[in-house]
Protein backbone atom coordinates (compact mmCIF):
# COMPACT_ATOMS: atom_id res chain seq x y z
CA MET A 1 0.00 0.00 0.00
CA ARG A 2 2.83 2.26 0.64
CA ASN A 3 3.98 1.94 -2.91
CA GLU A 4 0.57 2.84 -4.20
CA SER A 5 0.38 5.95 -2.06
CA SER A 6 3.81 7.12 -3.18
CA VAL A 7 2.99 6.38 -6.82
CA GLN A 8 -0.17 8.45 -6.73
CA PRO A 9 1.58 11.79 -6.00
CA LYS A 10 4.09 11.01 -8.76
CA ARG A 11 1.24 10.45 -11.20
CA LYS A 12 -0.38 13.68 -10.12
CA MET A 13 2.95 15.43 -10.52
CA LYS A 14 3.49 13.98 -14.01
CA ARG A 15 -0.07 14.84 -14.96
CA SER A 16 0.36 18.39 -13.64
CA VAL A 17 3.63 18.84 -15.55
CA ARG A 18 2.09 17.42 -18.72
CA LEU A 19 -0.96 19.68 -18.35
CA ARG A 20 1.26 22.76 -17.87
CA LEU A 21 3.32 21.79 -20.90
CA ILE A 22 0.17 21.46 -23.01
CA VAL A 23 -1.18 24.82 -21.80
CA TYR A 24 2.13 26.60 -22.46
CA SER A 25 2.39 24.96 -25.89
CA LEU A 26 -1.15 26.04 -26.70
CA ILE A 27 -0.45 29.63 -25.61
CA ALA A 28 2.79 29.68 -27.62
CA SER A 29 0.96 28.31 -30.68
CA ILE A 30 -1.75 30.95 -30.38
CA LEU A 31 0.84 33.73 -30.04
CA PHE A 32 2.76 32.38 -33.03
CA GLY A 33 -0.47 32.27 -35.05
CA VAL A 34 -1.38 35.85 -34.14
CA ILE A 35 2.10 37.08 -35.02
CA PHE A 36 1.99 35.20 -38.32
CA VAL A 37 -1.41 36.72 -39.22
CA PHE A 38 -0.09 40.22 -38.47
CA TYR A 39 2.97 39.50 -40.59
CA LEU A 40 0.80 38.44 -43.53
CA GLN A 41 -1.32 41.57 -43.22
CA GLN A 42 1.75 43.78 -43.11
CA ALA A 43 3.26 42.01 -46.13
CA LYS A 44 0.02 42.59 -48.05
CA LYS A 45 0.00 46.29 -47.11
CA GLU A 46 3.66 46.57 -48.10
CA ARG A 47 2.98 45.09 -51.54
CA ALA A 48 0.04 47.47 -52.05
CA LEU A 49 2.12 50.48 -51.00
CA GLU A 50 5.00 49.40 -53.25
CA LYS A 51 2.60 49.14 -56.19
CA GLU A 52 1.18 52.58 -55.40
CA ARG A 53 4.70 54.02 -55.12
CA ILE A 54 5.62 52.66 -58.55
CA GLU A 55 2.43 54.10 -60.07
CA LEU A 56 3.09 57.47 -58.47
CA GLU A 57 6.68 57.51 -59.73
CA GLU A 58 5.43 56.80 -63.26
CA ARG A 59 2.84 59.57 -62.92
CA LEU A 60 5.53 61.94 -61.62
CA GLU A 61 7.69 61.16 -64.64
CA GLU A 62 4.78 61.90 -66.98
CA VAL A 63 4.06 65.18 -65.21
CA GLU A 64 7.71 66.22 -65.38
CA VAL A 65 7.83 65.50 -69.12
CA ASN A 66 4.61 67.47 -69.60
CA ARG A 67 6.04 70.31 -67.51
CA GLU A 68 9.14 70.47 -69.71
CA LEU A 69 6.99 70.54 -72.84
CA LEU A 70 4.87 73.35 -71.42
CA LYS A 71 8.00 75.24 -70.41
CA GLU A 72 9.36 74.98 -73.96
CA ARG A 73 5.99 76.07 -75.34
CA LEU A 74 5.97 79.08 -73.01
CA GLU A 75 9.45 80.07 -74.17
CA GLN A 76 8.28 79.81 -77.78
CA LEU A 77 5.25 81.99 -77.05
CA ASP A 78 7.55 84.68 -75.67
CA ASP A 79 9.32 84.82 -79.05
CA ASP A 80 7.73 87.39 -81.42
CA GLU A 81 8.95 85.59 -84.53
CA TYR A 82 7.31 82.36 -83.40
CA ILE A 83 4.02 84.14 -82.66
CA GLU A 84 4.10 85.73 -86.11
CA LYS A 85 4.80 82.36 -87.73
CA LEU A 86 2.02 80.75 -85.72
CA ALA A 87 -0.46 83.48 -86.69
CA ARG A 88 0.48 83.05 -90.35
CA GLN A 89 0.04 79.27 -90.23
CA LYS A 90 -3.09 78.98 -88.15
CA TYR A 91 -5.03 82.13 -88.82
CA PHE A 92 -3.69 83.05 -92.24
CA VAL A 93 -2.57 86.47 -91.06
CA GLY A 94 -0.29 88.16 -93.49
CA LYS A 95 1.76 91.29 -93.69
CA GLU A 96 0.53 94.38 -95.49
CA ASP A 97 0.24 93.97 -99.26
CA GLU A 98 0.70 90.21 -98.89
CA ILE A 99 -1.63 87.73 -100.57
CA ILE A 100 -2.11 84.35 -98.90
CA PHE A 101 -2.86 81.29 -100.97
CA THR A 102 -4.14 78.10 -99.39
CA LEU A 103 -3.51 74.80 -101.04
CA PRO A 104 -5.72 71.76 -100.34
CA GLU A 105 -2.83 69.82 -98.78
CA GLU A 106 -2.13 72.62 -96.36
CA GLU A 107 -5.78 72.70 -95.27
CA GLU A 108 -5.64 69.01 -94.43
CA GLU A 109 -2.40 69.52 -92.50
CA ASN A 110 -3.92 72.48 -90.65
CA GLU A 111 -6.95 70.39 -89.69
CA LYS A 112 -4.67 67.62 -88.43
CA GLU A 113 -2.68 70.16 -86.41
CA LYS A 114 -5.88 71.54 -84.88
CA GLU A 115 -7.01 68.04 -83.92
CA ALA A 116 -3.60 67.27 -82.44
CA GLU A 117 -3.67 70.45 -80.35
CA LYS A 118 -7.15 69.64 -79.02
CA GLU A 119 -5.87 66.34 -77.69
């Protein structure tokens, strides 16, 4: 009987240790799962932000190119000779005692230029 009584506390001890080990393992697994879910969410956000950054860089490049074109156009519009040339081509403005002839090919080109400027 003595052996049985001494065995019983050992069983309880082993059971208690095993139960603690299971509980700690379960808690560690839950924490690992939560951390992994947060990691996946952050990775998804990072990919979305990277994609947005690339799109914004492309848009910035387009805007810079457009800005340069507008800057060149502004410099041209400050030039009196260019304005005179533009008025002659688009609006058929001529100098005094000057006769302007329009050929059919030029009209088609002028229409194409007008359409290109509208775009």
